Amino acid sequence: MLDLTLYEKQVRGSLFGSSNGQHDVPRLLELANLGQLKLAELITREYTLEQVNQGYEDMRTGRNIRGLIRF
C-alpha cells in the first residue's frame, strides 16, 4: 500500500491485454500467412477433444501454459 500512495502508483485492470481485436486480429493473420508469426512456438501442448478435461487439469496445475484442442 505504501507504493500505491507514496509513489502514486495505480492498479489497472486489463481485458485481453487491452488489444483491439478489429485491428489486431487481421494484422496477426496477415503476419501468420507471411510466415512472420511463429504460431507453433506459442502452443505448449496439443489435446484431442476427448482429452479436454486433461487439458484443463494441466492448465490448473501449471503443466500447460497454452494448450490447443484439435477436433
PDB file of N, CA and C in Angstrom:
ATOM      1  N   MET A   1       0.829  -1.194   0.000  1.00  0.00           N
ATOM      2  CA  MET A   1       0.000   0.000   0.000  1.00  0.00           C
ATOM      3  C   MET A   1       0.870   1.253   0.000  1.00  0.00           C
ATOM      4  N   LEU A   2       2.043   1.170   0.606  1.00  0.00           N
ATOM      5  CA  LEU A   2       2.915   2.341   0.654  1.00  0.00           C
ATOM      6  C   LEU A   2       3.290   2.789  -0.756  1.00  0.00           C
ATOM      7  N   ASP A   3       3.641   1.826  -1.630  1.00  0.00           N
ATOM      8  CA  ASP A   3       3.988   2.184  -3.008  1.00  0.00           C
ATOM      9  C   ASP A   3       2.829   2.870  -3.717  1.00  0.00           C
ATOM     10  N   LEU A   4       1.615   2.385  -3.465  1.00  0.00           N
ATOM     11  CA  LEU A   4       0.455   2.962  -4.137  1.00  0.00           C
ATOM     12  C   LEU A   4       0.232   4.409  -3.736  1.00  0.00           C
ATOM     13  N   THR A   5       0.383   4.692  -2.464  1.00  0.00           N
ATOM     14  CA  THR A   5       0.092   6.052  -2.000  1.00  0.00           C
ATOM     15  C   THR A   5       1.297   6.971  -2.095  1.00  0.00           C
ATOM     16  N   LEU A   6       2.455   6.512  -1.632  1.00  0.00           N
ATOM     17  CA  LEU A   6       3.633   7.373  -1.601  1.00  0.00           C
ATOM     18  C   LEU A   6       4.149   7.702  -2.993  1.00  0.00           C
ATOM     19  N   TYR A   7       4.159   6.695  -3.868  1.00  0.00           N
ATOM     20  CA  TYR A   7       4.694   6.896  -5.217  1.00  0.00           C
ATOM     21  C   TYR A   7       3.607   7.065  -6.267  1.00  0.00           C
ATOM     22  N   GLU A   8       2.375   7.212  -5.834  1.00  0.00           N
ATOM     23  CA  GLU A   8       1.228   7.450  -6.709  1.00  0.00           C
ATOM     24  C   GLU A   8       1.091   6.388  -7.801  1.00  0.00           C
ATOM     25  N   LYS A   9       1.360   5.135  -7.454  1.00  0.00           N
ATOM     26  CA  LYS A   9       1.183   4.044  -8.409  1.00  0.00           C
ATOM     27  C   LYS A   9      -0.294   3.696  -8.500  1.00  0.00           C
ATOM     28  N   GLN A  10      -0.683   3.077  -9.608  1.00  0.00           N
ATOM     29  CA  GLN A  10      -2.076   2.729  -9.844  1.00  0.00           C
ATOM     30  C   GLN A  10      -2.210   1.249 -10.181  1.00  0.00           C
ATOM     31  N   VAL A  11      -3.340   0.680  -9.819  1.00  0.00           N
ATOM     32  CA  VAL A  11      -3.690  -0.674 -10.218  1.00  0.00           C
ATOM     33  C   VAL A  11      -4.744  -0.541 -11.306  1.00  0.00           C
ATOM     34  N   ARG A  12      -4.487  -1.176 -12.441  1.00  0.00           N
ATOM     35  CA  ARG A  12      -5.399  -1.042 -13.575  1.00  0.00           C
ATOM     36  C   ARG A  12      -5.722  -2.422 -14.132  1.00  0.00           C
ATOM     37  N   GLY A  13      -6.971  -2.668 -14.373  1.00  0.00           N
ATOM     38  CA  GLY A  13      -7.387  -3.938 -14.963  1.00  0.00           C
ATOM     39  C   GLY A  13      -7.142  -3.946 -16.462  1.00  0.00           C
ATOM     40  N   SER A  14      -7.089  -5.137 -17.015  1.00  0.00           N
ATOM     41  CA  SER A  14      -6.852  -5.277 -18.441  1.00  0.00           C
ATOM     42  C   SER A  14      -7.608  -6.499 -18.956  1.00  0.00           C
ATOM     43  N   LEU A  15      -8.322  -6.341 -20.032  1.00  0.00           N
ATOM     44  CA  LEU A  15      -9.051  -7.440 -20.655  1.00  0.00           C
ATOM     45  C   LEU A  15      -8.406  -7.737 -22.005  1.00  0.00           C
ATOM     46  N   PHE A  16      -7.931  -8.953 -22.183  1.00  0.00           N
ATOM     47  CA  PHE A  16      -7.260  -9.365 -23.418  1.00  0.00           C
ATOM     48  C   PHE A  16      -6.049  -8.492 -23.729  1.00  0.00           C
ATOM     49  N   GLY A  17      -5.346  -8.057 -22.690  1.00  0.00           N
ATOM     50  CA  GLY A  17      -4.142  -7.260 -22.908  1.00  0.00           C
ATOM     51  C   GLY A  17      -4.424  -5.894 -23.497  1.00  0.00           C
ATOM     52  N   SER A  18      -5.651  -5.416 -23.334  1.00  0.00           N
ATOM     53  CA  SER A  18      -6.068  -4.120 -23.886  1.00  0.00           C
ATOM     54  C   SER A  18      -5.878  -4.062 -25.400  1.00  0.00           C
ATOM     55  N   SER A  19      -6.018  -5.194 -26.063  1.00  0.00           N
ATOM     56  CA  SER A  19      -5.858  -5.211 -27.517  1.00  0.00           C
ATOM     57  C   SER A  19      -7.148  -4.770 -28.201  1.00  0.00           C
ATOM     58  N   ASN A  20      -7.013  -4.397 -29.443  1.00  0.00           N
ATOM     59  CA  ASN A  20      -8.144  -4.013 -30.275  1.00  0.00           C
ATOM     60  C   ASN A  20      -8.331  -5.119 -31.313  1.00  0.00           C
ATOM     61  N   GLY A  21      -9.275  -6.019 -31.063  1.00  0.00           N
ATOM     62  CA  GLY A  21      -9.473  -7.183 -31.918  1.00  0.00           C
ATOM     63  C   GLY A  21      -9.729  -6.857 -33.376  1.00  0.00           C
ATOM     64  N   GLN A  22     -10.497  -5.814 -33.643  1.00  0.00           N
ATOM     65  CA  GLN A  22     -10.813  -5.459 -35.029  1.00  0.00           C
ATOM     66  C   GLN A  22      -9.562  -5.044 -35.798  1.00  0.00           C
ATOM     67  N   HIS A  23      -8.593  -4.500 -35.113  1.00  0.00           N
ATOM     68  CA  HIS A  23      -7.344  -4.100 -35.754  1.00  0.00           C
ATOM     69  C   HIS A  23      -6.296  -5.204 -35.665  1.00  0.00           C
ATOM     70  N   ASP A  24      -6.157  -5.798 -34.476  1.00  0.00           N
ATOM     71  CA  ASP A  24      -5.056  -6.722 -34.216  1.00  0.00           C
ATOM     72  C   ASP A  24      -5.222  -8.081 -34.888  1.00  0.00           C
ATOM     73  N   VAL A  25      -6.427  -8.646 -34.903  1.00  0.00           N
ATOM     74  CA  VAL A  25      -6.616  -9.987 -35.470  1.00  0.00           C
ATOM     75  C   VAL A  25      -6.287 -10.023 -36.963  1.00  0.00           C
ATOM     76  N   PRO A  26      -6.793  -9.107 -37.790  1.00  0.00           N
ATOM     77  CA  PRO A  26      -6.399  -9.147 -39.204  1.00  0.00           C
ATOM     78  C   PRO A  26      -4.888  -8.994 -39.402  1.00  0.00           C
ATOM     79  N   ARG A  27      -4.265  -8.163 -38.599  1.00  0.00           N
ATOM     80  CA  ARG A  27      -2.809  -7.979 -38.715  1.00  0.00           C
ATOM     81  C   ARG A  27      -2.067  -9.255 -38.309  1.00  0.00           C
ATOM     82  N   LEU A  28      -2.498  -9.908 -37.242  1.00  0.00           N
ATOM     83  CA  LEU A  28      -1.866 -11.154 -36.808  1.00  0.00           C
ATOM     84  C   LEU A  28      -2.049 -12.255 -37.848  1.00  0.00           C
ATOM     85  N   LEU A  29      -3.231 -12.320 -38.460  1.00  0.00           N
ATOM     86  CA  LEU A  29      -3.464 -13.302 -39.526  1.00  0.00           C
ATOM     87  C   LEU A  29      -2.562 -13.036 -40.727  1.00  0.00           C
ATOM     88  N   GLU A  30      -2.389 -11.777 -41.053  1.00  0.00           N
ATOM     89  CA  GLU A  30      -1.501 -11.410 -42.157  1.00  0.00           C
ATOM     90  C   GLU A  30      -0.064 -11.844 -41.855  1.00  0.00           C
ATOM     91  N   LEU A  31       0.404 -11.570 -40.642  1.00  0.00           N
ATOM     92  CA  LEU A  31       1.759 -11.966 -40.255  1.00  0.00           C
ATOM     93  C   LEU A  31       1.918 -13.485 -40.278  1.00  0.00           C
ATOM     94  N   ALA A  32       0.895 -14.203 -39.834  1.00  0.00           N
ATOM     95  CA  ALA A  32       0.950 -15.666 -39.842  1.00  0.00           C
ATOM     96  C   ALA A  32       1.016 -16.193 -41.276  1.00  0.00           C
ATOM     97  N   ASN A  33       0.222 -15.620 -42.166  1.00  0.00           N
ATOM     98  CA  ASN A  33       0.229 -16.048 -43.569  1.00  0.00           C
ATOM     99  C   ASN A  33       1.558 -15.759 -44.251  1.00  0.00           C
ATOM    100  N   LEU A  34       2.245 -14.713 -43.805  1.00  0.00           N
ATOM    101  CA  LEU A  34       3.552 -14.366 -44.364  1.00  0.00           C
ATOM    102  C   LEU A  34       4.683 -15.166 -43.719  1.00  0.00           C
ATOM    103  N   GLY A  35       4.344 -15.969 -42.728  1.00  0.00           N
ATOM    104  CA  GLY A  35       5.356 -16.762 -42.033  1.00  0.00           C
ATOM    105  C   GLY A  35       6.168 -15.974 -41.026  1.00  0.00           C
ATOM    106  N   GLN A  36       5.704 -14.788 -40.674  1.00  0.00           N
ATOM    107  CA  GLN A  36       6.435 -13.934 -39.739  1.00  0.00           C
ATOM    108  C   GLN A  36       5.978 -14.100 -38.297  1.00  0.00           C
ATOM    109  N   LEU A  37       4.952 -14.880 -38.087  1.00  0.00           N
ATOM    110  CA  LEU A  37       4.440 -15.141 -36.741  1.00  0.00           C
ATOM    111  C   LEU A  37       4.512 -16.646 -36.513  1.00  0.00           C
ATOM    112  N   LYS A  38       5.335 -17.056 -35.579  1.00  0.00           N
ATOM    113  CA  LYS A  38       5.584 -18.480 -35.345  1.00  0.00           C
ATOM    114  C   LYS A  38       4.555 -19.026 -34.357  1.00  0.00           C
ATOM    115  N   LEU A  39       3.390 -19.372 -34.874  1.00  0.00           N
ATOM    116  CA  LEU A  39       2.284 -19.814 -34.028  1.00  0.00           C
ATOM    117  C   LEU A  39       2.582 -21.119 -33.305  1.00  0.00           C
ATOM    118  N   ALA A  40       3.284 -22.038 -33.942  1.00  0.00           N
ATOM    119  CA  ALA A  40       3.568 -23.335 -33.320  1.00  0.00           C
ATOM    120  C   ALA A  40       4.368 -23.172 -32.034  1.00  0.00           C
ATOM    121  N   GLU A  41       5.203 -22.152 -31.963  1.00  0.00           N
ATOM    122  CA  GLU A  41       6.012 -21.931 -30.764  1.00  0.00           C
ATOM    123  C   GLU A  41       5.178 -21.437 -29.583  1.00  0.00           C
ATOM    124  N   LEU A  42       3.973 -20.958 -29.844  1.00  0.00           N
ATOM    125  CA  LEU A  42       3.111 -20.463 -28.773  1.00  0.00           C
ATOM    126  C   LEU A  42       2.331 -21.584 -28.090  1.00  0.00           C
ATOM    127  N   ILE A  43       2.287 -22.756 -28.704  1.00  0.00           N
ATOM    128  CA  ILE A  43       1.499 -23.873 -28.173  1.00  0.00           C
ATOM    129  C   ILE A  43       2.382 -24.742 -27.288  1.00  0.00           C
ATOM    130  N   THR A  44       1.954 -24.932 -26.053  1.00  0.00           N
ATOM    131  CA  THR A  44       2.712 -25.763 -25.124  1.00  0.00           C
ATOM    132  C   THR A  44       2.408 -27.237 -25.318  1.00  0.00           C
ATOM    133  N   ARG A  45       1.131 -27.540 -25.560  1.00  0.00           N
ATOM    134  CA  ARG A  45       0.718 -28.935 -25.697  1.00  0.00           C
ATOM    135  C   ARG A  45      -0.587 -29.000 -26.490  1.00  0.00           C
ATOM    136  N   GLU A  46      -0.752 -30.083 -27.255  1.00  0.00           N
ATOM    137  CA  GLU A  46      -1.983 -30.298 -28.017  1.00  0.00           C
ATOM    138  C   GLU A  46      -2.802 -31.411 -27.378  1.00  0.00           C
ATOM    139  N   TYR A  47      -4.129 -31.262 -27.466  1.00  0.00           N
ATOM    140  CA  TYR A  47      -5.062 -32.246 -26.912  1.00  0.00           C
ATOM    141  C   TYR A  47      -6.110 -32.568 -27.961  1.00  0.00           C
ATOM    142  N   THR A  48      -6.631 -33.785 -27.894  1.00  0.00           N
ATOM    143  CA  THR A  48      -7.791 -34.131 -28.709  1.00  0.00           C
ATOM    144  C   THR A  48      -9.032 -33.677 -27.941  1.00  0.00           C
ATOM    145  N   LEU A  49     -10.164 -33.708 -28.594  1.00  0.00           N
ATOM    146  CA  LEU A  49     -11.402 -33.316 -27.929  1.00  0.00           C
ATOM    147  C   LEU A  49     -11.689 -34.227 -26.735  1.00  0.00           C
ATOM    148  N   GLU A  50     -11.325 -35.476 -26.861  1.00  0.00           N
ATOM    149  CA  GLU A  50     -11.534 -36.422 -25.758  1.00  0.00           C
ATOM    150  C   GLU A  50     -10.626 -36.114 -24.565  1.00  0.00           C
ATOM    151  N   GLN A  51      -9.539 -35.386 -24.785  1.00  0.00           N
ATOM    152  CA  GLN A  51      -8.581 -35.063 -23.727  1.00  0.00           C
ATOM    153  C   GLN A  51      -8.814 -33.679 -23.117  1.00  0.00           C
ATOM    154  N   VAL A  52      -9.936 -33.047 -23.416  1.00  0.00           N
ATOM    155  CA  VAL A  52     -10.169 -31.674 -22.979  1.00  0.00           C
ATOM    156  C   VAL A  52     -10.100 -31.537 -21.458  1.00  0.00           C
ATOM    157  N   ASN A  53     -10.615 -32.498 -20.720  1.00  0.00           N
ATOM    158  CA  ASN A  53     -10.547 -32.417 -19.256  1.00  0.00           C
ATOM    159  C   ASN A  53      -9.107 -32.472 -18.766  1.00  0.00           C
ATOM    160  N   GLN A  54      -8.285 -33.292 -19.420  1.00  0.00           N
ATOM    161  CA  GLN A  54      -6.865 -33.347 -19.060  1.00  0.00           C
ATOM    162  C   GLN A  54      -6.199 -32.002 -19.349  1.00  0.00           C
ATOM    163  N   GLY A  55      -6.594 -31.363 -20.435  1.00  0.00           N
ATOM    164  CA  GLY A  55      -6.050 -30.048 -20.765  1.00  0.00           C
ATOM    165  C   GLY A  55      -6.340 -29.020 -19.691  1.00  0.00           C
ATOM    166  N   TYR A  56      -7.573 -29.012 -19.194  1.00  0.00           N
ATOM    167  CA  TYR A  56      -7.921 -28.087 -18.112  1.00  0.00           C
ATOM    168  C   TYR A  56      -7.148 -28.409 -16.842  1.00  0.00           C
ATOM    169  N   GLU A  57      -7.009 -29.686 -16.546  1.00  0.00           N
ATOM    170  CA  GLU A  57      -6.249 -30.090 -15.356  1.00  0.00           C
ATOM    171  C   GLU A  57      -4.785 -29.671 -15.487  1.00  0.00           C
ATOM    172  N   ASP A  58      -4.201 -29.867 -16.654  1.00  0.00           N
ATOM    173  CA  ASP A  58      -2.818 -29.450 -16.879  1.00  0.00           C
ATOM    174  C   ASP A  58      -2.665 -27.941 -16.736  1.00  0.00           C
ATOM    175  N   MET A  59      -3.658 -27.199 -17.195  1.00  0.00           N
ATOM    176  CA  MET A  59      -3.609 -25.745 -17.074  1.00  0.00           C
ATOM    177  C   MET A  59      -3.661 -25.326 -15.605  1.00  0.00           C
ATOM    178  N   ARG A  60      -4.547 -25.952 -14.841  1.00  0.00           N
ATOM    179  CA  ARG A  60      -4.682 -25.612 -13.417  1.00  0.00           C
ATOM    180  C   ARG A  60      -3.419 -25.927 -12.626  1.00  0.00           C
ATOM    181  N   THR A  61      -2.726 -26.991 -12.999  1.00  0.00           N
ATOM    182  CA  THR A  61      -1.540 -27.406 -12.247  1.00  0.00           C
ATOM    183  C   THR A  61      -0.247 -26.814 -12.794  1.00  0.00           C
ATOM    184  N   GLY A  62      -0.333 -26.035 -13.867  1.00  0.00           N
ATOM    185  CA  GLY A  62       0.844 -25.374 -14.411  1.00  0.00           C
ATOM    186  C   GLY A  62       1.661 -26.211 -15.381  1.00  0.00           C
ATOM    187  N   ARG A  63       1.165 -27.369 -15.791  1.00  0.00           N
ATOM    188  CA  ARG A  63       1.888 -28.199 -16.761  1.00  0.00           C
ATOM    189  C   ARG A  63       1.676 -27.719 -18.192  1.00  0.00           C
ATOM    190  N   ASN A  64       0.713 -26.854 -18.376  1.00  0.00           N
ATOM    191  CA  ASN A  64       0.379 -26.377 -19.709  1.00  0.00           C
ATOM    192  C   ASN A  64       0.130 -24.876 -19.623  1.00  0.00           C
ATOM    193  N   ILE A  65       0.820 -24.121 -20.420  1.00  0.00           N
ATOM    194  CA  ILE A  65       0.617 -22.669 -20.440  1.00  0.00           C
ATOM    195  C   ILE A  65      -0.438 -22.302 -21.485  1.00  0.00           C
ATOM    196  N   ARG A  66      -0.252 -22.798 -22.697  1.00  0.00           N
ATOM    197  CA  ARG A  66      -1.214 -22.520 -23.769  1.00  0.00           C
ATOM    198  C   ARG A  66      -1.458 -23.797 -24.555  1.00  0.00           C
ATOM    199  N   GLY A  67      -2.597 -24.412 -24.301  1.00  0.00           N
ATOM    200  CA  GLY A  67      -2.930 -25.667 -24.959  1.00  0.00           C
ATOM    201  C   GLY A  67      -3.804 -25.448 -26.180  1.00  0.00           C
ATOM    202  N   LEU A  68      -3.761 -26.411 -27.074  1.00  0.00           N
ATOM    203  CA  LEU A  68      -4.564 -26.375 -28.291  1.00  0.00           C
ATOM    204  C   LEU A  68      -5.402 -27.642 -28.338  1.00  0.00           C
ATOM    205  N   ILE A  69      -6.694 -27.495 -28.539  1.00  0.00           N
ATOM    206  CA  ILE A  69      -7.589 -28.641 -28.655  1.00  0.00           C
ATOM    207  C   ILE A  69      -7.920 -28.834 -30.131  1.00  0.00           C
ATOM    208  N   ARG A  70      -7.527 -29.971 -30.668  1.00  0.00           N
ATOM    209  CA  ARG A  70      -7.820 -30.291 -32.077  1.00  0.00           C
ATOM    210  C   ARG A  70      -9.072 -31.150 -32.135  1.00  0.00           C
ATOM    211  N   PHE A  71     -10.012 -30.761 -33.003  1.00  0.00           N
ATOM    212  CA  PHE A  71     -11.221 -31.564 -33.179  1.00  0.00           C
ATOM    213  C   PHE A  71     -11.635 -31.558 -34.621  1.00  0.00           C
TER     214      PHE A  71
END
